[in-house]
Protein backbone atom coordinates (compact mmCIF):
# COMPACT_ATOMS: atom_id res chain seq x y z
CA MET A 1 8.43 13.10 -14.05
CA LEU A 2 5.45 14.64 -12.45
CA THR A 3 3.07 13.13 -14.86
CA GLN A 4 4.85 9.70 -14.65
CA GLN A 5 4.43 9.81 -10.96
CA LEU A 6 0.79 10.91 -11.19
CA LEU A 7 0.06 7.84 -13.53
CA ASN A 8 1.77 5.60 -10.91
CA GLY A 9 -0.23 7.03 -8.17
CA VAL A 10 -3.71 6.43 -10.05
CA LEU A 11 -2.58 2.94 -10.85
CA SER A 12 -1.63 2.05 -7.43
CA SER A 13 -4.67 3.49 -5.87
CA GLY A 14 -6.75 0.41 -6.88
CA ILE A 15 -4.70 -1.79 -4.33
CA TYR A 16 -5.28 0.92 -1.64
CA ALA A 17 -9.03 0.97 -2.48
CA LEU A 18 -9.29 -2.73 -1.88
CA TYR A 19 -7.85 -2.27 1.60
CA ALA A 20 -9.91 0.72 2.32
CA VAL A 21 -13.31 -0.67 1.64
CA GLY A 22 -12.52 -3.62 3.64
CA PHE A 23 -11.67 -1.47 6.67
CA THR A 24 -14.79 0.64 6.16
CA MET A 25 -17.26 -2.21 5.65
CA ILE A 26 -16.20 -3.93 8.86
CA PHE A 27 -16.43 -0.49 10.79
CA GLY A 28 -19.59 0.28 9.15
CA ILE A 29 -21.39 -2.95 10.20
CA MET A 30 -19.50 -3.77 13.46
CA GLY A 31 -18.50 -0.38 14.68
CA VAL A 32 -14.91 -1.62 15.35
CA LEU A 33 -11.60 -1.52 13.45
CA ASN A 34 -10.18 -4.97 12.35
CA MET A 35 -6.55 -4.12 12.69
CA ALA A 36 -5.65 -7.58 11.08
CA HIS A 37 -7.47 -6.82 7.88
CA ALA A 38 -4.28 -6.03 6.00
CA ASP A 39 -2.57 -8.95 7.24
CA PHE A 40 -4.92 -11.27 5.41
CA GLY A 41 -3.32 -9.91 2.20
CA THR A 42 0.06 -10.97 3.57
CA VAL A 43 -1.52 -14.49 4.28
CA ALA A 44 -2.83 -14.83 0.86
CA ALA A 45 0.42 -13.81 -0.72
CA PHE A 46 2.54 -16.22 1.26
CA ALA A 47 0.00 -18.86 1.03
CA VAL A 48 0.26 -18.82 -2.89
CA ILE A 49 4.12 -18.82 -2.62
CA TRP A 50 3.98 -21.85 -0.33
CA THR A 51 1.41 -23.65 -2.46
CA VAL A 52 3.24 -23.07 -5.72
CA SER A 53 6.37 -24.24 -4.13
CA ALA A 54 4.48 -27.37 -2.94
CA GLY A 55 4.14 -28.18 -6.79
CA LEU A 56 0.56 -27.11 -7.21
CA ALA A 57 -0.39 -25.64 -10.66
CA PRO A 58 -1.14 -21.91 -10.62
CA VAL A 59 -4.97 -22.33 -10.56
CA GLU A 60 -4.81 -24.89 -7.94
CA ALA A 61 -2.35 -22.94 -5.84
CA VAL A 62 -4.61 -19.83 -5.94
CA LEU A 63 -7.63 -21.67 -4.93
CA ALA A 64 -5.80 -23.44 -2.01
CA ALA A 65 -4.30 -20.03 -0.90
CA SER A 66 -7.97 -18.80 -0.97
CA VAL A 67 -9.11 -21.56 1.35
CA ILE A 68 -6.33 -20.97 3.81
CA THR A 69 -6.89 -17.14 3.74
CA LEU A 70 -10.43 -17.77 4.47
CA LEU A 71 -9.86 -20.14 7.36
CA VAL A 72 -7.27 -17.71 8.89
CA ALA A 73 -9.75 -14.78 8.62
CA LEU A 74 -12.65 -16.92 10.21
CA LEU A 75 -10.33 -17.97 12.97
CA VAL A 76 -9.53 -14.27 13.61
CA GLU A 77 -13.19 -13.29 13.64
CA ARG A 78 -14.05 -16.09 16.09
CA LEU A 79 -11.21 -15.62 18.59
CA ALA A 80 -10.47 -12.01 18.43
CA MET A 81 -13.69 -10.23 17.34
CA ARG A 82 -16.63 -12.18 18.25
CA PRO A 83 -16.16 -12.18 21.96
CA GLY A 84 -16.15 -8.46 22.01
CA ARG A 85 -19.74 -8.34 20.79
CA ARG A 86 -20.94 -9.99 24.16
CA PHE A 87 -20.02 -6.65 25.75
CA LYS A 88 -21.51 -3.11 25.68
CA GLY A 89 -19.83 0.24 25.74
CA ASP A 90 -16.26 0.89 25.46
CA ALA A 91 -15.46 -2.78 26.06
CA ALA A 92 -17.15 -3.84 22.78
CA ILE A 93 -14.75 -1.52 20.85
CA GLU A 94 -11.56 -1.99 22.83
CA MET A 95 -11.59 -5.81 22.94
CA PRO A 96 -11.77 -6.43 19.12
CA LEU A 97 -9.43 -3.75 18.58
CA ILE A 98 -6.65 -5.16 20.86
CA GLY A 99 -7.43 -8.59 19.79
CA THR A 100 -7.05 -8.02 16.06
CA ILE A 101 -3.79 -5.98 16.74
CA GLY A 102 -2.51 -8.95 18.44
CA ALA A 103 -3.76 -11.39 15.64
CA GLY A 104 -1.97 -9.30 12.97
CA MET A 105 1.32 -9.32 14.96
CA ILE A 106 0.93 -13.25 15.38
CA LEU A 107 0.36 -13.50 11.45
CA GLN A 108 3.31 -11.09 10.61
CA ASN A 109 5.73 -12.92 13.00
CA ALA A 110 4.42 -16.40 11.80
CA ALA A 111 5.11 -15.44 8.34
CA ALA A 112 8.57 -14.09 9.19
CA LEU A 113 9.41 -17.46 11.00
CA ILE A 114 8.29 -19.61 8.40
CA PHE A 115 9.58 -17.63 5.25
CA GLY A 116 12.27 -15.27 6.82
CA ASN A 117 11.86 -11.73 7.67
CA LYS A 118 13.13 -10.26 4.42
CA ALA A 119 11.10 -9.53 1.28
CA ILE A 120 10.83 -12.58 -1.01
CA VAL A 121 9.92 -12.91 -4.76
CA PHE A 122 6.19 -13.48 -5.33
CA SER A 123 5.40 -16.57 -7.51
CA PHE A 124 3.80 -14.58 -10.30
CA ASN A 125 4.82 -11.05 -11.17
CA MET A 126 4.33 -8.47 -13.96
CA ARG A 127 7.12 -6.10 -13.36
CA ALA A 128 7.57 -5.28 -17.16
CA PHE A 129 6.93 -1.85 -18.41
CA VAL A 130 5.43 -0.73 -21.62
CA ARG A 131 6.06 2.75 -23.11
CA VAL A 132 3.04 4.69 -23.83
CA GLY A 133 3.45 8.27 -25.36
CA GLY A 134 6.74 8.81 -23.56
CA LEU A 135 5.43 7.41 -20.11
CA LEU A 136 6.47 4.10 -18.59
CA VAL A 137 3.29 1.95 -17.71
CA SER A 138 3.68 -0.84 -15.25
CA LYS A 139 1.72 -3.90 -16.62
CA GLY A 140 1.19 -5.17 -13.21
CA LEU A 141 -0.10 -1.91 -11.85
CA VAL A 142 -2.55 -1.84 -15.01
CA VAL A 143 -3.81 -5.22 -14.16
CA SER A 144 -4.11 -4.47 -10.55
CA LEU A 145 -6.17 -1.40 -11.24
CA ILE A 146 -8.54 -3.40 -13.70
CA VAL A 147 -9.03 -6.14 -11.08
CA SER A 148 -9.63 -3.64 -8.38
CA ALA A 149 -12.03 -1.84 -10.34
CA VAL A 150 -14.05 -4.81 -11.37
CA LEU A 151 -14.07 -6.17 -7.73
CA LEU A 152 -15.27 -2.61 -6.47
CA ALA A 153 -18.06 -2.62 -9.09
CA LEU A 154 -19.04 -6.01 -8.05
CA LEU A 155 -19.10 -4.89 -4.30
CA GLU A 156 -21.07 -1.95 -5.12
CA PHE A 157 -23.82 -4.01 -6.78
CA LEU A 158 -23.83 -6.52 -3.88
CA VAL A 159 -24.30 -3.73 -1.35
CA ASN A 160 -26.69 -1.69 -3.07
CA ARG A 161 -28.63 -3.89 -5.41
CA THR A 162 -28.99 -7.29 -3.76
CA ASP A 163 -31.18 -8.63 -0.80
CA PHE A 164 -27.95 -9.52 1.05
CA GLY A 165 -26.74 -5.91 0.57
CA ARG A 166 -29.93 -4.54 2.10
CA GLN A 167 -29.30 -6.90 5.06
CA ILE A 168 -25.59 -5.42 5.34
CA ARG A 169 -27.08 -1.92 5.24
CA ALA A 170 -29.74 -2.71 7.62
CA VAL A 171 -27.36 -4.22 10.32
CA ALA A 172 -24.93 -1.21 9.62
CA GLN A 173 -27.70 1.22 10.27
CA ASN A 174 -29.33 -0.41 13.31
CA ARG A 175 -28.46 -4.05 14.31
CA ASN A 176 -31.37 -4.42 16.90
CA ALA A 177 -34.00 -3.12 14.55
CA ALA A 178 -32.46 -5.45 11.77
CA GLU A 179 -32.90 -8.34 14.25
CA ILE A 180 -36.33 -7.48 14.87
CA MET A 181 -37.21 -7.55 11.10
CA GLY A 182 -35.76 -11.18 11.16
CA ILE A 183 -32.31 -10.51 9.77
CA ASN A 184 -29.66 -12.87 11.18
CA SER A 185 -27.07 -10.37 12.15
CA GLU A 186 -24.45 -12.86 13.16
CA ARG A 187 -24.45 -14.54 9.56
CA VAL A 188 -24.54 -10.99 7.99
CA ILE A 189 -21.43 -9.95 10.03
CA LEU A 190 -19.67 -13.40 9.32
CA VAL A 191 -20.25 -13.33 5.50
CA THR A 192 -19.26 -9.70 5.36
CA PHE A 193 -16.09 -10.33 7.18
CA ALA A 194 -15.29 -13.10 4.72
CA ILE A 195 -15.89 -10.72 1.81
CA THR A 196 -13.52 -8.27 3.21
CA ALA A 197 -10.81 -10.85 3.89
CA ALA A 198 -10.99 -12.02 0.37
CA LEU A 199 -10.57 -8.29 -0.85
CA ALA A 200 -7.56 -7.94 1.34
CA GLY A 201 -6.14 -11.52 0.11
CA ILE A 202 -6.70 -10.35 -3.50
CA ALA A 203 -4.94 -6.92 -2.66
CA GLY A 204 -1.90 -8.75 -1.03
CA CYS A 205 -1.50 -11.05 -4.22
CA LEU A 206 -1.69 -7.79 -6.49
CA VAL A 207 1.05 -6.30 -4.60
CA GLY A 208 3.16 -9.24 -5.31
CA LEU A 209 2.07 -9.18 -9.03
CA SER A 210 2.73 -5.50 -9.33
CA TYR A 211 5.98 -5.17 -7.53
CA GLY A 212 7.43 -8.79 -7.62
CA LEU A 213 8.14 -8.85 -3.94
CA VAL A 214 6.17 -9.47 -0.77
CA SER A 215 7.19 -9.10 2.98
CA PRO A 216 5.95 -10.33 6.28
CA TYR A 217 5.64 -6.90 7.40
CA MET A 218 4.15 -5.18 4.29
CA ALA A 219 0.68 -5.19 5.88
CA VAL A 220 1.77 -2.30 8.14
CA SER A 221 2.23 0.02 5.36
CA TYR A 222 -1.06 -0.99 3.58
CA ALA A 223 -2.85 -0.91 6.64
CA ILE A 224 -1.99 2.65 7.39
CA LYS A 225 -2.60 3.61 3.80
CA GLY A 226 -6.07 1.82 3.87
CA LEU A 227 -7.09 3.47 7.23
CA VAL A 228 -6.22 6.90 6.09
CA ALA A 229 -8.04 6.42 2.82
CA MET A 230 -11.17 5.38 4.91
CA ILE A 231 -11.02 8.37 7.16
CA VAL A 232 -10.10 10.82 4.36
CA GLY A 233 -13.15 9.58 2.16
CA GLY A 234 -15.60 9.28 5.19
CA VAL A 235 -15.95 6.44 7.64
CA GLY A 236 -18.83 4.24 6.43
CA SER A 237 -18.89 5.36 2.87
CA LEU A 238 -17.49 2.84 0.14
CA PRO A 239 -17.45 5.62 -2.54
CA GLY A 240 -15.50 7.69 0.04
CA ALA A 241 -12.97 4.89 0.69
CA VAL A 242 -12.39 4.56 -3.11
CA LEU A 243 -12.03 8.40 -3.45
CA GLY A 244 -9.75 8.54 -0.38
CA ALA A 245 -7.60 5.75 -1.86
CA LEU A 246 -7.27 7.62 -5.25
CA LEU A 247 -6.42 10.89 -3.39
CA ILE A 248 -3.75 9.13 -1.25
CA GLY A 249 -2.14 7.39 -4.40
CA VAL A 250 -2.02 10.69 -6.20
CA VAL A 251 -0.66 12.55 -3.21
CA GLU A 252 1.89 10.03 -2.43
CA ALA A 253 3.12 10.13 -6.14
CA ILE A 254 3.56 13.87 -6.22
CA THR A 255 5.32 13.78 -2.78
CA VAL A 256 7.76 11.29 -4.27
CA SER A 257 8.29 13.35 -7.33
CA GLN A 258 9.03 16.56 -5.55
CA PHE A 259 10.67 15.53 -2.44
CA GLY A 260 11.96 12.02 -2.86
CA SER A 261 10.84 8.39 -1.85
CA GLN A 262 11.92 9.02 1.71
CA MET A 263 9.03 11.52 2.09
CA ARG A 264 6.44 9.24 0.65
CA ASP A 265 4.15 8.85 3.81
CA VAL A 266 4.65 12.40 4.95
CA GLY A 267 2.31 13.64 2.13
CA VAL A 268 -0.10 11.11 2.95
CA PHE A 269 -0.49 12.21 6.44
CA VAL A 270 -0.47 16.00 5.59
CA VAL A 271 -3.65 15.21 3.52
CA LEU A 272 -5.16 13.41 6.55
CA MET A 273 -4.43 16.33 8.82
CA ALA A 274 -5.71 18.87 6.17
CA VAL A 275 -9.08 16.81 5.76
CA LEU A 276 -9.52 16.40 9.50
CA ALA A 277 -9.04 20.24 9.94
CA VAL A 278 -11.37 21.19 7.19
CA ARG A 279 -13.91 18.36 7.09
CA PRO A 280 -13.53 16.14 10.07
CA SER A 281 -16.30 13.66 8.91
CA GLY A 282 -14.42 13.05 5.66
CA LEU A 283 -15.26 13.88 2.13
CA LEU A 284 -18.30 11.62 1.77
CA ARG A 285 -19.45 10.85 5.06
CA VAL A 286 -22.46 8.52 5.66
CA ALA A 287 -24.27 8.97 8.90
CA ALA A 288 -25.35 5.95 10.65
CA SER A 289 -27.18 5.15 13.99
CA ARG A 290 -27.02 1.91 16.18
């Protein structure tokens, strides 16, 4: 049972990692938390359900859902986050934080109003299991881990090996200095926000693919796991976010196997408190100045 749960934890960590790297990229480049980030996954999942029910073919439905998610994300950035950049000090942090909390609540309740407040079946799912050496392996979670690994590898390449990635790192390090060097920081922030929204949208669809169900309020749980993974791994570190997600997935699985599913989140927060007590900066902290 323990081995089975460890396997499940590793497989599910890919979804956590997609949420975690989105949180850490936005915080690293803007210095604020986008509390509506995980809700973009909910938007994408329900957009797929809606477009499929409207009669679109699978590829067309996914493309349409991607456009819907991107438009919602850009609207949130424009209305909830951009106004905060006009201010300095605490207001520049507090306004986007409060604004994105409100945006997330609006998105959750809008989904509940349109689709109902209970979990519904996702349009595509892979809930079947295959037996490998006495272990049951979820096809959906395997696909999710592979997709997550590919996306994270592409993101690492983008950030560390492209001109735009250098612009991202420059803005994250010191926005004023980056602008002096001719970098359009607003464009960099907007594109980065769109990338993180896409990651969250894919993560939300992978939840439906892996577990077969999506809920208007599922973002709450994944936001918590993503934030914890970011903090445990080290705020501002993409490898740290991935490491934190893997640790959270494994600890969550061990907790379930030893104490039951009702204690699932307890183990996650025990890890958080332990890391904060021993290494407050996180496992792979990246220093940054503004």
